[in-house]
C-alpha atoms as a PDB file:
ATOM      1  CA  MET A   1     -10.114   6.986   8.603  1.00  0.00           C
ATOM      2  CA  PHE A   2      -7.368   3.944   7.811  1.00  0.00           C
ATOM      3  CA  ALA A   3      -5.407   7.039   6.421  1.00  0.00           C
ATOM      4  CA  GLY A   4      -5.855   9.047   9.434  1.00  0.00           C
ATOM      5  CA  ALA A   5      -4.669   6.119  11.858  1.00  0.00           C
ATOM      6  CA  VAL A   6      -1.520   5.449   9.481  1.00  0.00           C
ATOM      7  CA  VAL A   7      -0.708   9.139   9.563  1.00  0.00           C
ATOM      8  CA  PHE A   8      -1.151   9.513  13.394  1.00  0.00           C
ATOM      9  CA  THR A   9       1.095   6.177  13.814  1.00  0.00           C
ATOM     10  CA  VAL A  10       3.938   7.783  11.869  1.00  0.00           C
ATOM     11  CA  VAL A  11       3.751  10.943  13.677  1.00  0.00           C
ATOM     12  CA  PHE A  12       3.829   9.151  16.987  1.00  0.00           C
ATOM     13  CA  TRP A  13       6.668   7.164  15.878  1.00  0.00           C
ATOM     14  CA  LEU A  14       8.689   9.891  14.676  1.00  0.00           C
ATOM     15  CA  TYR A  15       8.171  12.164  17.840  1.00  0.00           C
ATOM     16  CA  SER A  16       8.666   8.921  20.174  1.00  0.00           C
ATOM     17  CA  THR A  17      12.336   8.343  18.807  1.00  0.00           C
ATOM     18  CA  MET A  18      13.225  11.874  19.727  1.00  0.00           C
ATOM     19  CA  GLU A  19      16.649  11.217  17.982  1.00  0.00           C
ATOM     20  CA  ASN A  20      18.003  12.621  14.872  1.00  0.00           C
ATOM     21  CA  ILE A  21      16.170  11.627  12.059  1.00  0.00           C
ATOM     22  CA  GLY A  22      18.105   9.638   9.593  1.00  0.00           C
ATOM     23  CA  THR A  23      17.548   8.749   5.763  1.00  0.00           C
ATOM     24  CA  LEU A  24      15.928   5.622   6.828  1.00  0.00           C
ATOM     25  CA  GLU A  25      13.188   7.569   8.947  1.00  0.00           C
ATOM     26  CA  TYR A  26      12.705   9.769   6.114  1.00  0.00           C
ATOM     27  CA  SER A  27      12.483   6.801   3.708  1.00  0.00           C
ATOM     28  CA  VAL A  28       9.579   5.236   5.794  1.00  0.00           C
ATOM     29  CA  ALA A  29       7.588   8.524   6.166  1.00  0.00           C
ATOM     30  CA  GLY A  30       7.962   9.185   2.321  1.00  0.00           C
ATOM     31  CA  LEU A  31       6.220   5.771   1.891  1.00  0.00           C
ATOM     32  CA  VAL A  32       3.760   6.302   4.299  1.00  0.00           C
ATOM     33  CA  LEU A  33       2.856   9.732   2.616  1.00  0.00           C
ATOM     34  CA  VAL A  34       2.439   7.979  -0.625  1.00  0.00           C
ATOM     35  CA  VAL A  35       0.317   5.400   0.742  1.00  0.00           C
ATOM     36  CA  VAL A  36      -2.005   7.653   2.332  1.00  0.00           C
ATOM     37  CA  SER A  37      -2.105  10.034  -0.543  1.00  0.00           C
ATOM     38  CA  ILE A  38      -3.179   7.228  -2.837  1.00  0.00           C
ATOM     39  CA  SER A  39      -5.901   6.178  -0.172  1.00  0.00           C
ATOM     40  CA  VAL A  40      -7.169   9.865   0.538  1.00  0.00           C
ATOM     41  CA  GLY A  41      -7.293  10.185  -3.469  1.00  0.00           C
ATOM     42  CA  ALA A  42      -9.188   6.802  -3.996  1.00  0.00           C
ATOM     43  CA  ALA A  43     -11.446   7.650  -0.925  1.00  0.00           C
ATOM     44  CA  MET A  44     -12.400  11.035  -3.009  1.00  0.00           C
ATOM     45  CA  LYS A  45     -12.947   9.511  -5.894  1.00  0.00           C
ATOM     46  CA  ARG A  46     -15.369   7.015  -4.338  1.00  0.00           C
ATOM     47  CA  ILE A  47     -17.268   9.980  -2.715  1.00  0.00           C
ATOM     48  CA  LYS A  48     -17.547  11.716  -5.665  1.00  0.00           C
ATOM     49  CA  ALA A  49     -18.617   8.732  -8.002  1.00  0.00           C
ATOM     50  CA  GLU A  50     -21.480   8.056  -5.054  1.00  0.00           C
ATOM     51  CA  LYS A  51     -22.823  11.551  -5.083  1.00  0.00           C
ATOM     52  CA  LYS A  52     -23.155  11.342  -8.757  1.00  0.00           C
ATOM     53  CA  GLY A  53     -25.295   8.323  -8.431  1.00  0.00           C
ATOM     54  CA  LEU A  54     -22.937   5.687  -9.729  1.00  0.00           C
ATOM     55  CA  THR A  55     -22.267   2.402  -8.222  1.00  0.00           C
ATOM     56  CA  ILE A  56     -19.392   2.147  -6.046  1.00  0.00           C
ATOM     57  CA  GLU A  57     -18.282  -1.318  -6.635  1.00  0.00           C
ATOM     58  CA  ASP A  58     -19.040  -3.215  -9.668  1.00  0.00           C
ATOM     59  CA  GLU A  59     -17.901  -6.575 -10.697  1.00  0.00           C
ATOM     60  CA  LEU A  60     -14.774  -5.302 -12.690  1.00  0.00           C
ATOM     61  CA  SER A  61     -13.542  -3.191 -10.242  1.00  0.00           C
ATOM     62  CA  ARG A  62     -14.007  -6.112  -7.480  1.00  0.00           C
ATOM     63  CA  ARG A  63     -12.283  -8.504  -9.994  1.00  0.00           C
ATOM     64  CA  ILE A  64      -9.485  -6.001 -10.221  1.00  0.00           C
ATOM     65  CA  ARG A  65      -8.873  -5.736  -6.685  1.00  0.00           C
ATOM     66  CA  GLN A  66      -8.636  -9.470  -6.261  1.00  0.00           C
ATOM     67  CA  LYS A  67      -6.416  -9.879  -8.762  1.00  0.00           C
ATOM     68  CA  ALA A  68      -4.258  -7.218  -7.580  1.00  0.00           C
ATOM     69  CA  ALA A  69      -4.477  -8.628  -3.870  1.00  0.00           C
ATOM     70  CA  ALA A  70      -3.546 -12.197  -5.185  1.00  0.00           C
ATOM     71  CA  ASN A  71      -0.437 -10.892  -7.028  1.00  0.00           C
ATOM     72  CA  ALA A  72       0.544  -8.645  -4.414  1.00  0.00           C
ATOM     73  CA  PHE A  73       0.293 -11.402  -1.641  1.00  0.00           C
ATOM     74  CA  ALA A  74       2.591 -13.846  -3.899  1.00  0.00           C
ATOM     75  CA  LEU A  75       4.899 -10.934  -4.536  1.00  0.00           C
ATOM     76  CA  SER A  76       5.195 -10.209  -1.034  1.00  0.00           C
ATOM     77  CA  PHE A  77       6.731 -13.720  -0.354  1.00  0.00           C
ATOM     78  CA  TYR A  78       9.856 -12.273  -2.473  1.00  0.00           C
ATOM     79  CA  LEU A  79       9.931  -8.810  -0.481  1.00  0.00           C
ATOM     80  CA  TRP A  80       9.863 -10.713   2.929  1.00  0.00           C
ATOM     81  CA  THR A  81      12.772 -12.929   1.800  1.00  0.00           C
ATOM     82  CA  LEU A  82      14.574 -10.068   0.645  1.00  0.00           C
ATOM     83  CA  ILE A  83      14.072  -8.125   3.868  1.00  0.00           C
ATOM     84  CA  ALA A  84      15.090 -11.352   5.917  1.00  0.00           C
ATOM     85  CA  ILE A  85      18.179 -11.482   4.183  1.00  0.00           C
ATOM     86  CA  PHE A  86      19.293  -7.946   4.080  1.00  0.00           C
ATOM     87  CA  SER A  87      18.187  -6.804   7.510  1.00  0.00           C
ATOM     88  CA  ILE A  88      19.629  -9.738   9.904  1.00  0.00           C
ATOM     89  CA  ASN A  89      21.242  -7.026  11.933  1.00  0.00           C
ATOM     90  CA  SER A  90      18.814  -4.502  11.954  1.00  0.00           C
ATOM     91  CA  ASN A  91      16.260  -3.088  14.463  1.00  0.00           C
ATOM     92  CA  ILE A  92      13.118  -5.232  13.949  1.00  0.00           C
ATOM     93  CA  GLY A  93      11.126  -2.057  14.972  1.00  0.00           C
ATOM     94  CA  VAL A  94      12.019  -0.767  11.786  1.00  0.00           C
ATOM     95  CA  VAL A  95      11.990  -3.583   9.323  1.00  0.00           C
ATOM     96  CA  ILE A  96       8.631  -4.551   9.715  1.00  0.00           C
ATOM     97  CA  PRO A  97       6.981  -1.509   8.981  1.00  0.00           C
ATOM     98  CA  ILE A  98       9.068  -1.351   6.020  1.00  0.00           C
ATOM     99  CA  GLY A  99       7.679  -4.537   5.002  1.00  0.00           C
ATOM    100  CA  VAL A 100       4.084  -3.859   5.646  1.00  0.00           C
ATOM    101  CA  LEU A 101       4.478  -0.385   3.624  1.00  0.00           C
ATOM    102  CA  GLY A 102       6.183  -2.376   0.953  1.00  0.00           C
ATOM    103  CA  MET A 103       3.342  -4.990   0.578  1.00  0.00           C
ATOM    104  CA  GLY A 104       0.809  -1.983   0.429  1.00  0.00           C
ATOM    105  CA  LEU A 105       2.847  -0.180  -2.180  1.00  0.00           C
ATOM    106  CA  ILE A 106       2.870  -3.659  -4.328  1.00  0.00           C
ATOM    107  CA  PHE A 107      -0.785  -3.767  -3.767  1.00  0.00           C
ATOM    108  CA  VAL A 108      -1.297  -0.387  -5.228  1.00  0.00           C
ATOM    109  CA  GLY A 109       1.163  -0.778  -8.078  1.00  0.00           C
ATOM    110  CA  TYR A 110      -0.662  -3.856  -9.381  1.00  0.00           C
ATOM    111  CA  TRP A 111      -4.323  -2.233  -8.600  1.00  0.00           C
ATOM    112  CA  ILE A 112      -3.176   0.913 -10.769  1.00  0.00           C
ATOM    113  CA  TYR A 113      -1.532  -1.636 -13.717  1.00  0.00           C
ATOM    114  CA  TYR A 114      -4.908  -3.553 -13.630  1.00  0.00           C
ATOM    115  CA  SER A 115      -7.148  -0.444 -13.721  1.00  0.00           C
ATOM    116  CA  LYS A 116      -5.295   0.965 -16.701  1.00  0.00           C
ATOM    117  CA  THR A 117      -4.732  -2.168 -18.663  1.00  0.00           C
ATOM    118  CA  GLY A 118      -7.750  -4.301 -17.771  1.00  0.00           C
ATOM    119  CA  ILE A 119      -8.146  -8.112 -16.832  1.00  0.00           C
ATOM    120  CA  LYS A 120      -7.279 -10.664 -19.531  1.00  0.00           C
ATOM    121  CA  ASP A 121     -10.264 -13.181 -20.151  1.00  0.00           C
ATOM    122  CA  GLU A 122      -8.918 -15.839 -17.763  1.00  0.00           C
ATOM    123  CA  ASN A 123     -11.381 -18.401 -19.586  1.00  0.00           C
ATOM    124  CA  ALA A 124      -9.757 -17.940 -23.141  1.00  0.00           C
ATOM    125  CA  HIS A 125      -6.389 -20.236 -23.866  1.00  0.00           C
END
């Protein structure tokens, strides 16, 4: 559902500009395509697991998502600082979607990393 809303919004945004589409618009559309593809892939994986009778969310997957979200939140402060520095004279209507998509990609990156490597025992010193 979320993926459909994102795609609709991007298509509507590209249609509403009705100008020549530049490199920035293509890169934003590419980022949206990556996020939507990953979301659809994750949803399909969950549906397949549910049909097999497996539990959708266990303690490890919930902890991986929490850890990825916490690290992505912390890293997003640096992202927004860089965006603020380098986009002083830019159009705010383009800057905010780039930042939000960047935050989503950071989360997905951390989620993939922790899904592959696991989470170290945080109680051990």
